[in-house]
Protein backbone atom coordinates (compact mmCIF):
# COMPACT_ATOMS: atom_id res chain seq x y z
CA MET A 1 -0.14 0.07 0.20
CA ILE A 2 1.25 3.64 -0.69
CA TYR A 3 0.42 6.09 1.76
CA ALA A 4 -0.29 9.51 0.61
CA LYS A 5 1.88 11.89 2.36
CA SER A 6 -0.48 14.18 4.49
CA SER A 7 -2.29 11.87 5.14
CA ILE A 8 -2.95 10.22 9.12
CA GLU A 9 -1.82 6.60 7.61
CA TYR A 10 1.88 7.85 6.11
CA ASP A 11 2.42 9.03 9.91
CA MET A 12 1.16 6.31 11.43
CA ASN A 13 3.88 3.71 8.89
CA PHE A 14 6.69 6.59 9.92
CA ALA A 15 6.01 5.96 13.97
CA SER A 16 5.72 1.97 13.23
CA LEU A 17 9.36 3.11 10.78
CA ARG A 18 11.01 4.14 14.02
CA GLU A 19 9.44 2.13 16.84
CA MET A 20 11.47 -0.44 14.20
CA GLU A 21 14.71 1.63 14.11
CA GLU A 22 15.00 1.61 18.00
CA THR A 23 13.96 -2.08 18.30
CA ILE A 24 15.80 -3.89 15.60
CA PRO A 25 19.68 -3.66 15.55
CA MET A 26 20.08 -2.68 11.33
CA THR A 27 23.12 -1.33 9.43
CA LEU A 28 23.24 2.14 8.15
CA SER A 29 22.24 0.56 4.33
CA GLU A 30 18.84 -1.08 5.48
CA ARG A 31 18.13 1.65 7.68
CA SER A 32 19.02 4.16 4.43
CA ARG A 33 16.80 1.38 2.31
CA LEU A 34 14.17 1.70 4.92
CA HIS A 35 13.43 5.19 5.03
CA TRP A 36 14.19 5.58 1.36
CA TRP A 37 11.14 2.93 1.33
CA ALA A 38 8.40 4.53 3.74
CA LYS A 39 9.79 8.60 2.51
CA ARG A 40 7.81 7.08 -0.44
CA GLY A 41 5.09 6.44 1.62
CA ASN A 42 5.04 2.35 1.09
CA ASP A 43 4.03 0.74 3.98
CA ILE A 44 7.09 -0.70 6.14
CA ASN A 45 5.13 -4.23 6.32
CA SER A 46 5.40 -4.97 2.95
CA ASN A 47 8.45 -5.54 0.09
CA PRO A 48 8.87 -4.22 -3.85
CA TRP A 49 10.10 -8.49 -4.08
CA LYS A 50 7.26 -10.24 -3.42
CA PHE A 51 8.46 -11.56 -0.66
CA PHE A 52 5.71 -13.04 2.27
CA GLU A 53 5.85 -14.78 5.27
CA PRO A 54 5.25 -18.71 5.54
CA ASP A 55 1.83 -17.27 6.96
CA GLY A 56 1.49 -16.02 3.49
CA SER A 57 1.34 -12.16 4.79
CA PRO A 58 3.73 -9.70 2.97
CA MET A 59 6.95 -10.24 4.48
CA ASN A 60 8.51 -6.19 5.84
CA PHE A 61 10.88 -4.24 3.96
CA LEU A 62 13.50 -5.14 6.30
CA LYS A 63 13.75 -8.40 6.28
CA ALA A 64 12.68 -9.28 2.47
CA PHE A 65 16.00 -6.80 2.28
CA ARG A 66 18.15 -9.03 4.15
CA ILE A 67 16.92 -11.79 2.08
CA GLN A 68 17.47 -10.15 -1.32
CA PHE A 69 21.00 -8.99 -0.68
CA GLY A 70 22.52 -11.96 0.90
CA ALA A 71 22.03 -11.18 4.92
CA PRO A 72 19.11 -12.09 6.29
CA HIS A 73 19.69 -14.03 9.37
CA GLY A 74 22.76 -13.08 11.99
CA PRO A 75 23.15 -12.70 15.25
CA TRP A 76 21.23 -8.99 14.50
CA ASP A 77 18.29 -10.62 13.60
CA ALA A 78 14.92 -10.77 15.76
CA TRP A 79 13.14 -12.88 13.67
CA GLU A 80 14.04 -16.72 13.23
CA TYR A 81 12.05 -18.17 10.65
CA GLU A 82 12.54 -21.66 8.88
CA THR A 83 11.22 -20.73 5.64
CA TYR A 84 10.30 -17.79 4.04
CA MET A 85 7.87 -17.82 0.64
CA ILE A 86 9.45 -16.71 -2.54
CA PRO A 87 7.14 -14.80 -5.64
CA ASP A 88 6.90 -18.26 -7.39
CA GLY A 89 5.47 -19.65 -4.70
CA SER A 90 7.61 -21.84 -3.55
CA ARG A 91 9.46 -21.99 -0.30
CA LYS A 92 12.64 -21.40 0.45
CA HIS A 93 14.66 -22.55 3.62
CA LEU A 94 16.34 -19.86 5.41
CA ILE A 95 17.48 -21.43 8.97
CA SER A 96 17.63 -24.43 9.64
CA LYS A 97 16.50 -25.28 13.56
């Protein structure tokens, strides 16, 4: 979803972004791209790569960014799922538990 810059939804999305920044450790590159995504009115709980959680819901931008660019897990990662869905509907193993 894309929010209009003068809307309440846009402001709420930025409040969620600030909360994510305080809660989840991220690199400067990740933080910059997340801001870039949100500034354009995109929901931080969506992603341009069409990655989905195992339950079928959209994956948030930061997690999808990490998967797309090769750093889906590490000591900084707050998410530990075994699989994620990719656009063709198949599942890929992320972390073996």
